[in-house]
Amino acid sequence: MQEITIKKNEAGQRFDKYLCKYFKEATSSFIYKMLRKKNIELNSKKATGSEKLVEGDVIKIFMADETIEKFKGQTKVPTKSKINTSTIRDNIVYEDENILIVNKPVGVLSQKAKPTDISINEMFIEYLLEDKKLTYTELETFTPSVCNRLDRNTTGLLLMGKSLKGSQKLSEMLKNRSIKKFYRAIVIGEIRKPLTLEGFLKKDENNNTVTITKDVAPTC
């Protein structure tokens, strides 16, 4: 038997979604079967999986340790890295227990474009680990991340969720547009009268790049 107490970064999500993250190698049908047979209980009661977890909830799993480890699979827990977190530390605009806002410098990726990239997202996770605001165990079921993106050569504010609650709230605000986005373009020369500049985005899927063109891209 194994007992798990829900922490802050795991609260706020459906019970079945949590179990799917915890038992990475198990099918959803297996998880629901274990719930029906009361092999998995929530606060010592039978659960359906639709319950929303709160901090302090206790999950009891009545399975052999070998079975639990089999369905948990191999967790890719990062080892101590050499990622430099100064980009985060030197550019913090706001931070509380749930969110972090950073002014991203030019030349830094918001999220990696290929596996070998180091983006501000990796710096963010390393920063939380270094300051003990996140544990390696918590990374098994929750990964803090950037909630909005800026291009590599654009500087500006990046919103990051330190907790599940923070990530959910920021995503909701971005979706319903209660957070307004403003962009400032810096030009060479002087604009003497109002004008409208129009262009079309052309994406190169192979190289993951976007260019601006005056021509409308042909549609299929």
N, C-alpha and C. Protein backbone atom coordinates (compact mmCIF):
# COMPACT_ATOMS: atom_id res chain seq x y z
N MET A 1 0.85 -1.19 0.00
CA MET A 1 0.00 0.00 0.00
C MET A 1 0.89 1.25 0.00
N GLN A 2 0.44 2.27 -0.74
CA GLN A 2 1.17 3.53 -0.80
C GLN A 2 0.21 4.67 -0.49
N GLU A 3 0.70 5.65 0.23
CA GLU A 3 -0.12 6.80 0.61
C GLU A 3 0.53 8.08 0.10
N ILE A 4 -0.26 8.94 -0.54
CA ILE A 4 0.24 10.19 -1.11
C ILE A 4 -0.60 11.35 -0.58
N THR A 5 0.07 12.40 -0.12
CA THR A 5 -0.62 13.61 0.32
C THR A 5 -0.45 14.68 -0.75
N ILE A 6 -1.57 15.24 -1.19
CA ILE A 6 -1.55 16.24 -2.27
C ILE A 6 -0.96 17.56 -1.77
N LYS A 7 0.01 18.05 -2.53
CA LYS A 7 0.66 19.32 -2.20
C LYS A 7 0.10 20.44 -3.08
N LYS A 8 0.58 21.65 -2.82
CA LYS A 8 0.06 22.85 -3.50
C LYS A 8 0.10 22.72 -5.02
N ASN A 9 1.22 22.25 -5.56
CA ASN A 9 1.39 22.19 -7.01
C ASN A 9 0.58 21.09 -7.67
N GLU A 10 -0.06 20.24 -6.88
CA GLU A 10 -0.88 19.16 -7.42
C GLU A 10 -2.37 19.44 -7.24
N ALA A 11 -2.69 20.41 -6.40
CA ALA A 11 -4.09 20.73 -6.13
C ALA A 11 -4.70 21.49 -7.30
N GLY A 12 -6.04 21.41 -7.41
CA GLY A 12 -6.75 22.16 -8.43
C GLY A 12 -7.02 21.41 -9.71
N GLN A 13 -6.61 20.15 -9.79
CA GLN A 13 -6.85 19.35 -10.99
C GLN A 13 -7.75 18.17 -10.66
N ARG A 14 -8.35 17.59 -11.70
CA ARG A 14 -9.20 16.42 -11.49
C ARG A 14 -8.36 15.25 -11.02
N PHE A 15 -8.98 14.42 -10.19
CA PHE A 15 -8.30 13.27 -9.62
C PHE A 15 -7.81 12.31 -10.70
N ASP A 16 -8.66 12.06 -11.73
CA ASP A 16 -8.25 11.11 -12.77
C ASP A 16 -7.08 11.64 -13.60
N LYS A 17 -7.02 12.96 -13.81
CA LYS A 17 -5.90 13.53 -14.56
C LYS A 17 -4.60 13.39 -13.77
N TYR A 18 -4.70 13.57 -12.46
CA TYR A 18 -3.53 13.38 -11.61
C TYR A 18 -3.04 11.94 -11.69
N LEU A 19 -3.98 11.00 -11.61
CA LEU A 19 -3.60 9.58 -11.64
C LEU A 19 -2.96 9.20 -12.98
N CYS A 20 -3.43 9.80 -14.08
CA CYS A 20 -2.84 9.52 -15.39
C CYS A 20 -1.41 10.01 -15.47
N LYS A 21 -1.11 11.12 -14.78
CA LYS A 21 0.27 11.62 -14.74
C LYS A 21 1.13 10.73 -13.83
N TYR A 22 0.53 10.30 -12.73
CA TYR A 22 1.28 9.50 -11.76
C TYR A 22 1.58 8.11 -12.31
N PHE A 23 0.55 7.49 -12.92
CA PHE A 23 0.73 6.16 -13.52
C PHE A 23 0.90 6.33 -15.04
N LYS A 24 2.09 6.75 -15.43
CA LYS A 24 2.34 7.08 -16.84
C LYS A 24 2.18 5.89 -17.77
N GLU A 25 2.42 4.68 -17.27
CA GLU A 25 2.38 3.48 -18.11
C GLU A 25 1.03 2.77 -18.06
N ALA A 26 0.09 3.29 -17.31
CA ALA A 26 -1.23 2.65 -17.18
C ALA A 26 -2.23 3.27 -18.14
N THR A 27 -3.19 2.47 -18.57
CA THR A 27 -4.26 2.98 -19.42
C THR A 27 -5.32 3.63 -18.53
N SER A 28 -6.13 4.50 -19.12
CA SER A 28 -7.20 5.14 -18.35
C SER A 28 -8.22 4.10 -17.88
N SER A 29 -8.45 3.07 -18.69
CA SER A 29 -9.41 2.03 -18.30
C SER A 29 -8.91 1.28 -17.06
N PHE A 30 -7.60 1.05 -16.98
CA PHE A 30 -7.03 0.40 -15.79
C PHE A 30 -7.23 1.28 -14.56
N ILE A 31 -6.99 2.57 -14.71
CA ILE A 31 -7.14 3.50 -13.57
C ILE A 31 -8.58 3.54 -13.08
N TYR A 32 -9.53 3.62 -14.02
CA TYR A 32 -10.95 3.64 -13.61
C TYR A 32 -11.37 2.32 -12.97
N LYS A 33 -10.79 1.23 -13.44
CA LYS A 33 -11.08 -0.08 -12.84
C LYS A 33 -10.60 -0.11 -11.39
N MET A 34 -9.39 0.42 -11.15
CA MET A 34 -8.85 0.45 -9.79
C MET A 34 -9.70 1.34 -8.88
N LEU A 35 -10.25 2.43 -9.46
CA LEU A 35 -11.13 3.29 -8.67
C LEU A 35 -12.43 2.57 -8.32
N ARG A 36 -13.00 1.86 -9.29
CA ARG A 36 -14.26 1.13 -9.04
C ARG A 36 -14.08 0.04 -7.99
N LYS A 37 -12.92 -0.62 -8.02
CA LYS A 37 -12.67 -1.72 -7.08
C LYS A 37 -12.13 -1.21 -5.74
N LYS A 38 -12.01 0.11 -5.59
CA LYS A 38 -11.50 0.75 -4.38
C LYS A 38 -10.05 0.36 -4.10
N ASN A 39 -9.32 0.01 -5.15
CA ASN A 39 -7.87 -0.18 -5.00
C ASN A 39 -7.16 1.16 -4.92
N ILE A 40 -7.87 2.21 -5.34
CA ILE A 40 -7.39 3.57 -5.18
C ILE A 40 -8.49 4.36 -4.49
N GLU A 41 -8.18 4.95 -3.35
CA GLU A 41 -9.16 5.71 -2.58
C GLU A 41 -8.69 7.16 -2.41
N LEU A 42 -9.66 8.04 -2.24
CA LEU A 42 -9.38 9.44 -1.96
C LEU A 42 -9.98 9.78 -0.61
N ASN A 43 -9.11 10.16 0.32
CA ASN A 43 -9.54 10.47 1.70
C ASN A 43 -10.33 9.32 2.30
N SER A 44 -9.82 8.09 2.06
CA SER A 44 -10.39 6.85 2.61
C SER A 44 -11.81 6.57 2.12
N LYS A 45 -12.17 7.13 0.97
CA LYS A 45 -13.49 6.89 0.39
C LYS A 45 -13.35 6.48 -1.07
N LYS A 46 -14.38 5.80 -1.57
CA LYS A 46 -14.42 5.45 -2.99
C LYS A 46 -14.53 6.73 -3.81
N ALA A 47 -13.80 6.79 -4.93
CA ALA A 47 -13.79 7.99 -5.77
C ALA A 47 -14.12 7.62 -7.21
N THR A 48 -14.61 8.59 -7.96
CA THR A 48 -14.95 8.35 -9.37
C THR A 48 -13.84 8.84 -10.31
N GLY A 49 -13.01 9.76 -9.81
CA GLY A 49 -11.98 10.34 -10.66
C GLY A 49 -12.31 11.76 -11.06
N SER A 50 -13.57 12.16 -10.91
CA SER A 50 -13.99 13.50 -11.32
C SER A 50 -13.78 14.53 -10.22
N GLU A 51 -13.39 14.07 -9.03
CA GLU A 51 -13.19 15.00 -7.91
C GLU A 51 -12.04 15.97 -8.20
N LYS A 52 -12.16 17.19 -7.71
CA LYS A 52 -11.07 18.16 -7.85
C LYS A 52 -10.21 18.10 -6.59
N LEU A 53 -8.93 17.88 -6.78
CA LEU A 53 -8.03 17.72 -5.65
C LEU A 53 -7.76 19.05 -4.96
N VAL A 54 -7.65 18.99 -3.63
CA VAL A 54 -7.26 20.16 -2.84
C VAL A 54 -6.05 19.78 -2.01
N GLU A 55 -5.28 20.80 -1.63
CA GLU A 55 -4.08 20.56 -0.84
C GLU A 55 -4.44 19.84 0.45
N GLY A 56 -3.72 18.78 0.77
CA GLY A 56 -3.98 18.01 1.98
C GLY A 56 -4.78 16.74 1.76
N ASP A 57 -5.38 16.58 0.57
CA ASP A 57 -6.08 15.34 0.25
C ASP A 57 -5.10 14.16 0.35
N VAL A 58 -5.63 13.02 0.78
CA VAL A 58 -4.79 11.82 0.93
C VAL A 58 -5.27 10.73 -0.02
N ILE A 59 -4.36 10.25 -0.84
CA ILE A 59 -4.65 9.16 -1.78
C ILE A 59 -4.02 7.88 -1.24
N LYS A 60 -4.81 6.81 -1.19
CA LYS A 60 -4.29 5.51 -0.78
C LYS A 60 -4.38 4.55 -1.96
N ILE A 61 -3.27 3.91 -2.26
CA ILE A 61 -3.20 2.98 -3.38
C ILE A 61 -2.93 1.58 -2.83
N PHE A 62 -3.92 0.70 -2.99
CA PHE A 62 -3.81 -0.65 -2.45
C PHE A 62 -3.33 -1.60 -3.55
N MET A 63 -2.04 -1.51 -3.84
CA MET A 63 -1.39 -2.39 -4.81
C MET A 63 -0.01 -2.75 -4.27
N ALA A 64 0.54 -3.81 -4.82
CA ALA A 64 1.90 -4.19 -4.44
C ALA A 64 2.88 -3.11 -4.92
N ASP A 65 3.95 -2.91 -4.17
CA ASP A 65 4.94 -1.89 -4.53
C ASP A 65 5.47 -2.12 -5.95
N GLU A 66 5.66 -3.39 -6.30
CA GLU A 66 6.19 -3.71 -7.64
C GLU A 66 5.22 -3.27 -8.73
N THR A 67 3.92 -3.45 -8.47
CA THR A 67 2.90 -3.05 -9.45
C THR A 67 2.86 -1.54 -9.59
N ILE A 68 2.95 -0.85 -8.46
CA ILE A 68 2.93 0.62 -8.49
C ILE A 68 4.12 1.14 -9.30
N GLU A 69 5.30 0.61 -9.03
CA GLU A 69 6.50 1.07 -9.74
C GLU A 69 6.41 0.76 -11.23
N LYS A 70 5.81 -0.38 -11.56
CA LYS A 70 5.66 -0.77 -12.97
C LYS A 70 4.81 0.25 -13.72
N PHE A 71 3.69 0.65 -13.14
CA PHE A 71 2.79 1.57 -13.83
C PHE A 71 3.25 3.03 -13.72
N LYS A 72 4.11 3.35 -12.75
CA LYS A 72 4.66 4.69 -12.68
C LYS A 72 5.66 4.91 -13.81
N GLY A 73 6.37 3.83 -14.20
CA GLY A 73 7.36 3.95 -15.26
C GLY A 73 8.59 4.70 -14.79
N GLN A 74 9.49 4.93 -15.73
CA GLN A 74 10.72 5.65 -15.42
C GLN A 74 10.47 7.15 -15.52
N THR A 75 10.56 7.83 -14.40
CA THR A 75 10.37 9.28 -14.39
C THR A 75 11.67 9.96 -14.81
N LYS A 76 11.57 10.86 -15.78
CA LYS A 76 12.75 11.58 -16.25
C LYS A 76 13.01 12.77 -15.35
N VAL A 77 13.63 12.48 -14.22
CA VAL A 77 13.95 13.55 -13.27
C VAL A 77 15.29 14.15 -13.65
N PRO A 78 15.35 15.47 -13.85
CA PRO A 78 16.61 16.07 -14.26
C PRO A 78 17.67 16.00 -13.18
N THR A 79 18.91 15.77 -13.58
CA THR A 79 20.01 15.80 -12.64
C THR A 79 20.46 17.25 -12.49
N LYS A 80 21.37 17.49 -11.59
CA LYS A 80 21.88 18.85 -11.39
C LYS A 80 22.48 19.34 -12.69
N SER A 81 21.96 20.43 -13.21
CA SER A 81 22.39 20.91 -14.51
C SER A 81 23.34 22.10 -14.38
N LYS A 82 23.85 22.53 -15.53
CA LYS A 82 24.72 23.70 -15.58
C LYS A 82 24.00 24.87 -16.23
N ILE A 83 22.66 24.84 -16.19
CA ILE A 83 21.88 25.92 -16.78
C ILE A 83 22.06 27.19 -15.94
N ASN A 84 22.43 28.27 -16.61
CA ASN A 84 22.63 29.55 -15.94
C ASN A 84 21.27 30.22 -15.73
N THR A 85 20.96 30.54 -14.48
CA THR A 85 19.65 31.13 -14.17
C THR A 85 19.70 32.65 -14.04
N SER A 86 20.83 33.26 -14.39
CA SER A 86 20.95 34.72 -14.22
C SER A 86 19.96 35.47 -15.11
N THR A 87 19.58 34.89 -16.27
CA THR A 87 18.60 35.55 -17.15
C THR A 87 17.28 35.73 -16.42
N ILE A 88 16.92 34.76 -15.59
CA ILE A 88 15.71 34.86 -14.77
C ILE A 88 15.94 35.85 -13.63
N ARG A 89 16.98 35.63 -12.85
CA ARG A 89 17.21 36.41 -11.62
C ARG A 89 17.40 37.90 -11.91
N ASP A 90 18.07 38.23 -13.01
CA ASP A 90 18.36 39.63 -13.31
C ASP A 90 17.18 40.37 -13.93
N ASN A 91 16.12 39.66 -14.28
CA ASN A 91 15.03 40.30 -15.02
C ASN A 91 13.65 40.06 -14.41
N ILE A 92 13.60 39.72 -13.12
CA ILE A 92 12.32 39.50 -12.46
C ILE A 92 11.60 40.83 -12.27
N VAL A 93 10.34 40.88 -12.73
CA VAL A 93 9.50 42.07 -12.58
C VAL A 93 8.54 41.90 -11.40
N TYR A 94 8.05 40.65 -11.24
CA TYR A 94 7.10 40.35 -10.16
C TYR A 94 7.16 38.87 -9.83
N GLU A 95 7.02 38.55 -8.54
CA GLU A 95 6.98 37.14 -8.15
C GLU A 95 6.17 36.98 -6.87
N ASP A 96 5.29 35.95 -6.86
CA ASP A 96 4.65 35.53 -5.62
C ASP A 96 4.68 34.01 -5.58
N GLU A 97 3.90 33.39 -4.73
CA GLU A 97 3.99 31.94 -4.57
C GLU A 97 3.43 31.17 -5.77
N ASN A 98 2.67 31.84 -6.63
CA ASN A 98 2.02 31.15 -7.75
C ASN A 98 2.54 31.56 -9.13
N ILE A 99 3.00 32.78 -9.29
CA ILE A 99 3.42 33.23 -10.62
C ILE A 99 4.75 33.97 -10.57
N LEU A 100 5.38 34.04 -11.73
CA LEU A 100 6.62 34.79 -11.90
C LEU A 100 6.51 35.56 -13.22
N ILE A 101 6.88 36.84 -13.22
CA ILE A 101 6.89 37.64 -14.45
C ILE A 101 8.30 38.12 -14.68
N VAL A 102 8.81 37.83 -15.88
CA VAL A 102 10.19 38.17 -16.23
C VAL A 102 10.20 39.00 -17.50
N ASN A 103 11.10 39.98 -17.58
CA ASN A 103 11.31 40.75 -18.80
C ASN A 103 12.34 40.01 -19.66
N LYS A 104 11.86 39.28 -20.66
CA LYS A 104 12.75 38.45 -21.48
C LYS A 104 13.67 39.31 -22.34
N PRO A 105 14.97 39.05 -22.29
CA PRO A 105 15.90 39.80 -23.15
C PRO A 105 15.81 39.33 -24.61
N VAL A 106 16.30 40.16 -25.50
CA VAL A 106 16.42 39.79 -26.91
C VAL A 106 17.41 38.63 -27.04
N GLY A 107 17.11 37.72 -27.95
CA GLY A 107 18.03 36.61 -28.22
C GLY A 107 17.78 35.36 -27.41
N VAL A 108 16.77 35.39 -26.52
CA VAL A 108 16.46 34.24 -25.67
C VAL A 108 15.15 33.61 -26.13
N LEU A 109 15.14 32.29 -26.26
CA LEU A 109 13.93 31.58 -26.64
C LEU A 109 12.95 31.51 -25.47
N SER A 110 11.65 31.67 -25.75
CA SER A 110 10.64 31.47 -24.71
C SER A 110 10.52 29.98 -24.39
N GLN A 111 10.43 29.16 -25.43
CA GLN A 111 10.37 27.71 -25.29
C GLN A 111 11.25 27.09 -26.36
N LYS A 112 11.81 25.93 -26.07
CA LYS A 112 12.76 25.34 -27.00
C LYS A 112 12.11 24.96 -28.33
N ALA A 113 12.85 25.17 -29.41
CA ALA A 113 12.39 24.81 -30.75
C ALA A 113 12.85 23.41 -31.13
N LYS A 114 13.97 23.00 -30.55
CA LYS A 114 14.49 21.64 -30.77
C LYS A 114 15.04 21.12 -29.45
N PRO A 115 15.19 19.80 -29.31
CA PRO A 115 15.57 19.20 -28.03
C PRO A 115 16.84 19.76 -27.39
N THR A 116 17.79 20.21 -28.21
CA THR A 116 19.06 20.68 -27.66
C THR A 116 19.02 22.14 -27.19
N ASP A 117 17.91 22.84 -27.46
CA ASP A 117 17.81 24.25 -27.07
C ASP A 117 17.70 24.40 -25.55
N ILE A 118 18.21 25.52 -25.06
CA ILE A 118 17.98 25.94 -23.68
C ILE A 118 17.16 27.22 -23.74
N SER A 119 15.92 27.12 -23.35
CA SER A 119 15.03 28.28 -23.40
C SER A 119 14.84 28.84 -22.00
N ILE A 120 14.11 29.94 -21.93
CA ILE A 120 13.85 30.53 -20.62
C ILE A 120 12.98 29.60 -19.76
N ASN A 121 12.27 28.67 -20.41
CA ASN A 121 11.45 27.70 -19.67
C ASN A 121 12.34 26.78 -18.84
N GLU A 122 13.46 26.30 -19.44
CA GLU A 122 14.39 25.45 -18.70
C GLU A 122 15.08 26.25 -17.58
N MET A 123 15.41 27.51 -17.87
CA MET A 123 16.02 28.38 -16.85
C MET A 123 15.06 28.58 -15.68
N PHE A 124 13.77 28.72 -16.00
CA PHE A 124 12.73 28.92 -14.99
C PHE A 124 12.66 27.72 -14.04
N ILE A 125 12.62 26.52 -14.59
CA ILE A 125 12.55 25.31 -13.76
C ILE A 125 13.81 25.18 -12.90
N GLU A 126 14.98 25.44 -13.50
CA GLU A 126 16.23 25.34 -12.75
C GLU A 126 16.27 26.38 -11.63
N TYR A 127 15.76 27.57 -11.90
CA TYR A 127 15.70 28.62 -10.88
C TYR A 127 14.86 28.17 -9.68
N LEU A 128 13.70 27.56 -9.95
CA LEU A 128 12.83 27.09 -8.87
C LEU A 128 13.49 25.97 -8.08
N LEU A 129 14.20 25.07 -8.77
CA LEU A 129 14.89 23.98 -8.08
C LEU A 129 16.03 24.52 -7.21
N GLU A 130 16.80 25.46 -7.75
CA GLU A 130 17.93 26.03 -7.00
C GLU A 130 17.47 26.70 -5.72
N ASP A 131 16.34 27.41 -5.79
CA ASP A 131 15.84 28.14 -4.63
C ASP A 131 14.89 27.32 -3.77
N LYS A 132 14.79 26.00 -4.09
CA LYS A 132 13.95 25.08 -3.32
C LYS A 132 12.47 25.52 -3.29
N LYS A 133 12.04 26.15 -4.39
CA LYS A 133 10.63 26.49 -4.56
C LYS A 133 9.90 25.39 -5.31
N LEU A 134 10.66 24.38 -5.71
CA LEU A 134 10.13 23.22 -6.42
C LEU A 134 11.03 22.04 -6.08
N THR A 135 10.42 20.85 -5.94
CA THR A 135 11.21 19.65 -5.66
C THR A 135 11.20 18.73 -6.88
N TYR A 136 12.18 17.84 -6.94
CA TYR A 136 12.23 16.88 -8.03
C TYR A 136 11.02 15.95 -8.01
N THR A 137 10.52 15.65 -6.80
CA THR A 137 9.34 14.79 -6.69
C THR A 137 8.12 15.47 -7.29
N GLU A 138 7.98 16.77 -7.08
CA GLU A 138 6.83 17.51 -7.63
C GLU A 138 6.86 17.51 -9.16
N LEU A 139 8.06 17.43 -9.74
CA LEU A 139 8.18 17.42 -11.19
C LEU A 139 7.58 16.15 -11.82
N GLU A 140 7.33 15.13 -11.01
CA GLU A 140 6.74 13.90 -11.53
C GLU A 140 5.31 14.14 -12.01
N THR A 141 4.61 15.08 -11.38
CA THR A 141 3.19 15.30 -11.73
C THR A 141 2.86 16.74 -12.12
N PHE A 142 3.83 17.64 -12.03
CA PHE A 142 3.59 19.03 -12.43
C PHE A 142 4.87 19.66 -12.95
N THR A 143 4.78 20.28 -14.13
CA THR A 143 5.93 20.97 -14.71
C THR A 143 5.61 22.45 -14.87
N PRO A 144 6.25 23.32 -14.09
CA PRO A 144 6.04 24.76 -14.26
C PRO A 144 6.44 25.18 -15.68
N SER A 145 5.74 26.18 -16.22
CA SER A 145 6.06 26.57 -17.60
C SER A 145 5.66 28.00 -17.89
N VAL A 146 6.19 28.50 -19.02
CA VAL A 146 5.83 29.81 -19.55
C VAL A 146 4.40 29.73 -20.11
N CYS A 147 3.59 30.74 -19.84
CA CYS A 147 2.19 30.71 -20.28
C CYS A 147 1.94 31.51 -21.56
N ASN A 148 2.86 32.38 -21.92
CA ASN A 148 2.76 33.10 -23.19
C ASN A 148 4.11 33.05 -23.89
N ARG A 149 4.14 33.36 -25.16
CA ARG A 149 5.40 33.27 -25.91
C ARG A 149 5.75 34.60 -26.54
N LEU A 150 7.05 34.83 -26.65
CA LEU A 150 7.58 35.95 -27.41
C LEU A 150 8.66 35.41 -28.34
N ASP A 151 8.78 35.99 -29.52
CA ASP A 151 9.81 35.56 -30.45
C ASP A 151 11.20 35.78 -29.86
N ARG A 152 12.16 35.04 -30.39
CA ARG A 152 13.54 35.13 -29.89
C ARG A 152 14.05 36.58 -29.86
N ASN A 153 13.78 37.33 -30.93
CA ASN A 153 14.32 38.69 -31.03
C ASN A 153 13.37 39.77 -30.53
N THR A 154 12.37 39.35 -29.76
CA THR A 154 11.45 40.29 -29.13
C THR A 154 11.69 40.29 -27.63
N THR A 155 11.80 41.48 -27.05
CA THR A 155 11.93 41.57 -25.60
C THR A 155 10.59 41.99 -25.02
N GLY A 156 10.28 41.52 -23.83
CA GLY A 156 9.00 41.85 -23.21
C GLY A 156 8.69 40.92 -22.06
N LEU A 157 7.48 41.05 -21.52
CA LEU A 157 7.10 40.32 -20.32
C LEU A 157 6.63 38.91 -20.64
N LEU A 158 7.19 37.96 -19.92
CA LEU A 158 6.76 36.56 -19.99
C LEU A 158 6.09 36.20 -18.67
N LEU A 159 4.91 35.58 -18.77
CA LEU A 159 4.14 35.16 -17.60
C LEU A 159 4.39 33.68 -17.36
N MET A 160 4.74 33.32 -16.13
CA MET A 160 5.09 31.93 -15.82
C MET A 160 4.31 31.43 -14.62
N GLY A 161 3.82 30.20 -14.71
CA GLY A 161 3.10 29.59 -13.61
C GLY A 161 4.02 28.76 -12.74
N LYS A 162 4.21 29.18 -11.49
CA LYS A 162 5.04 28.41 -10.55
C LYS A 162 4.28 27.24 -9.96
N SER A 163 2.97 27.39 -9.86
CA SER A 163 2.11 26.34 -9.32
C SER A 163 1.03 26.02 -10.34
N LEU A 164 0.32 24.92 -10.13
CA LEU A 164 -0.79 24.57 -11.02
C LEU A 164 -1.85 25.67 -10.96
N LYS A 165 -2.12 26.18 -9.76
CA LYS A 165 -3.09 27.26 -9.59
C LYS A 165 -2.69 28.48 -10.40
N GLY A 166 -1.41 28.83 -10.34
CA GLY A 166 -0.92 29.99 -11.08
C GLY A 166 -1.01 29.79 -12.58
N SER A 167 -0.63 28.59 -13.04
CA SER A 167 -0.69 28.29 -14.48
C SER A 167 -2.12 28.34 -15.00
N GLN A 168 -3.04 27.76 -14.23
CA GLN A 168 -4.45 27.73 -14.64
C GLN A 168 -5.03 29.15 -14.70
N LYS A 169 -4.70 29.97 -13.72
CA LYS A 169 -5.26 31.34 -13.68
C LYS A 169 -4.70 32.18 -14.82
N LEU A 170 -3.38 32.09 -15.06
CA LEU A 170 -2.78 32.86 -16.15
C LEU A 170 -3.33 32.43 -17.51
N SER A 171 -3.48 31.12 -17.70
CA SER A 171 -4.02 30.61 -18.96
C SER A 171 -5.45 31.09 -19.18
N GLU A 172 -6.23 31.11 -18.10
CA GLU A 172 -7.62 31.58 -18.18
C GLU A 172 -7.67 33.06 -18.56
N MET A 173 -6.81 33.85 -17.95
CA MET A 173 -6.80 35.29 -18.21
C MET A 173 -6.33 35.60 -19.64
N LEU A 174 -5.37 34.82 -20.13
CA LEU A 174 -4.92 35.00 -21.51
C LEU A 174 -6.01 34.60 -22.50
N LYS A 175 -6.74 33.54 -22.15
CA LYS A 175 -7.79 33.04 -23.04
C LYS A 175 -8.96 34.01 -23.13
N ASN A 176 -9.38 34.56 -21.98
CA ASN A 176 -10.54 35.47 -22.01
C ASN A 176 -10.13 36.92 -22.23
N ARG A 177 -8.84 37.13 -22.48
CA ARG A 177 -8.29 38.45 -22.81
C ARG A 177 -8.47 39.49 -21.71
N SER A 178 -8.52 39.04 -20.46
CA SER A 178 -8.53 40.01 -19.36
C SER A 178 -7.13 40.56 -19.14
N ILE A 179 -6.12 39.88 -19.71
CA ILE A 179 -4.76 40.43 -19.80
C ILE A 179 -4.61 41.00 -21.20
N LYS A 180 -4.29 42.26 -21.30
CA LYS A 180 -4.16 42.91 -22.61
C LYS A 180 -2.69 42.96 -23.02
N LYS A 181 -2.44 42.70 -24.30
CA LYS A 181 -1.08 42.69 -24.83
C LYS A 181 -0.84 43.95 -25.65
N PHE A 182 0.30 44.58 -25.43
CA PHE A 182 0.68 45.77 -26.19
C PHE A 182 2.10 45.56 -26.72
N TYR A 183 2.32 45.93 -27.97
CA TYR A 183 3.64 45.78 -28.60
C TYR A 183 4.14 47.14 -29.05
N ARG A 184 5.43 47.37 -28.92
CA ARG A 184 6.04 48.60 -29.39
C ARG A 184 7.10 48.26 -30.43
N ALA A 185 6.97 48.88 -31.59
CA ALA A 185 7.94 48.65 -32.66
C ALA A 185 8.95 49.80 -32.67
N ILE A 186 10.23 49.47 -32.77
CA ILE A 186 11.29 50.47 -32.83
C ILE A 186 11.78 50.55 -34.27
N VAL A 187 11.76 51.75 -34.82
CA VAL A 187 12.11 51.91 -36.24
C VAL A 187 13.31 52.86 -36.38
N ILE A 188 13.96 52.78 -37.53
CA ILE A 188 15.04 53.71 -37.87
C ILE A 188 14.44 54.86 -38.67
N GLY A 189 14.72 56.08 -38.27
CA GLY A 189 14.16 57.22 -38.96
C GLY A 189 13.06 57.89 -38.16
N GLU A 190 12.26 58.71 -38.81
CA GLU A 190 11.20 59.45 -38.15
C GLU A 190 9.90 59.31 -38.92
N ILE A 191 8.84 58.96 -38.22
CA ILE A 191 7.51 58.85 -38.84
C ILE A 191 6.79 60.18 -38.63
N ARG A 192 6.51 60.87 -39.72
CA ARG A 192 5.96 62.23 -39.64
C ARG A 192 4.43 62.26 -39.69
N LYS A 193 3.80 61.19 -40.17
CA LYS A 193 2.35 61.18 -40.25
C LYS A 193 1.84 59.75 -40.04
N PRO A 194 0.57 59.59 -39.63
CA PRO A 194 0.02 58.24 -39.40
C PRO A 194 0.08 57.40 -40.68
N LEU A 195 0.41 56.15 -40.53
CA LEU A 195 0.40 55.26 -41.68
C LEU A 195 0.14 53.84 -41.22
N THR A 196 -0.27 53.02 -42.16
CA THR A 196 -0.55 51.60 -41.87
C THR A 196 0.42 50.74 -42.66
N LEU A 197 1.09 49.85 -41.98
CA LEU A 197 2.00 48.91 -42.63
C LEU A 197 1.35 47.54 -42.61
N GLU A 198 1.28 46.90 -43.76
CA GLU A 198 0.65 45.59 -43.85
C GLU A 198 1.67 44.56 -44.34
N GLY A 199 1.57 43.39 -43.78
CA GLY A 199 2.43 42.29 -44.20
C GLY A 199 1.77 40.97 -43.88
N PHE A 200 2.29 39.91 -44.45
CA PHE A 200 1.73 38.58 -44.23
C PHE A 200 2.82 37.66 -43.70
N LEU A 201 2.44 36.81 -42.77
CA LEU A 201 3.40 35.89 -42.17
C LEU A 201 3.53 34.63 -43.02
N LYS A 202 4.74 34.24 -43.27
CA LYS A 202 5.02 33.01 -44.03
C LYS A 202 5.89 32.12 -43.16
N LYS A 203 5.35 30.95 -42.81
CA LYS A 203 6.07 30.06 -41.91
C LYS A 203 6.79 28.96 -42.67
N ASP A 204 8.04 28.75 -42.28
CA ASP A 204 8.85 27.66 -42.80
C ASP A 204 8.81 26.53 -41.77
N GLU A 205 7.96 25.53 -42.01
CA GLU A 205 7.77 24.45 -41.05
C GLU A 205 9.05 23.66 -40.81
N ASN A 206 9.86 23.48 -41.85
CA ASN A 206 11.08 22.67 -41.73
C ASN A 206 12.11 23.32 -40.81
N ASN A 207 12.23 24.64 -40.90
CA ASN A 207 13.23 25.36 -40.10
C ASN A 207 12.63 26.09 -38.90
N ASN A 208 11.29 25.96 -38.74
CA ASN A 208 10.58 26.58 -37.62
C ASN A 208 10.86 28.09 -37.55
N THR A 209 10.78 28.75 -38.71
CA THR A 209 10.98 30.20 -38.77
C THR A 209 9.80 30.86 -39.48
N VAL A 210 9.64 32.15 -39.21
CA VAL A 210 8.57 32.92 -39.83
C VAL A 210 9.17 34.18 -40.45
N THR A 211 8.78 34.49 -41.67
CA THR A 211 9.20 35.73 -42.33
C THR A 211 7.97 36.54 -42.70
N ILE A 212 8.19 37.83 -42.94
CA ILE A 212 7.10 38.73 -43.33
C ILE A 212 7.22 39.02 -44.82
N THR A 213 6.12 38.87 -45.53
CA THR A 213 6.10 39.11 -46.97
C THR A 213 4.97 40.05 -47.34
N LYS A 214 5.11 40.75 -48.46
CA LYS A 214 4.05 41.65 -48.93
C LYS A 214 2.95 40.90 -49.66
N ASP A 215 3.27 39.67 -50.08
CA ASP A 215 2.32 38.90 -50.87
C ASP A 215 1.52 37.95 -50.00
N VAL A 216 0.27 37.78 -50.35
CA VAL A 216 -0.58 36.80 -49.65
C VAL A 216 -0.12 35.42 -50.04
N ALA A 217 0.09 34.55 -49.04
CA ALA A 217 0.51 33.19 -49.33
C ALA A 217 -0.61 32.45 -50.05
N PRO A 218 -0.29 31.65 -51.08
CA PRO A 218 -1.32 30.91 -51.79
C PRO A 218 -1.99 29.88 -50.88
N THR A 219 -3.27 29.70 -51.04
CA THR A 219 -4.01 28.70 -50.25
C THR A 219 -4.32 27.49 -51.11
N CYS A 220 -4.36 26.33 -50.47
CA CYS A 220 -4.65 25.07 -51.18
C CYS A 220 -6.15 24.82 -51.23
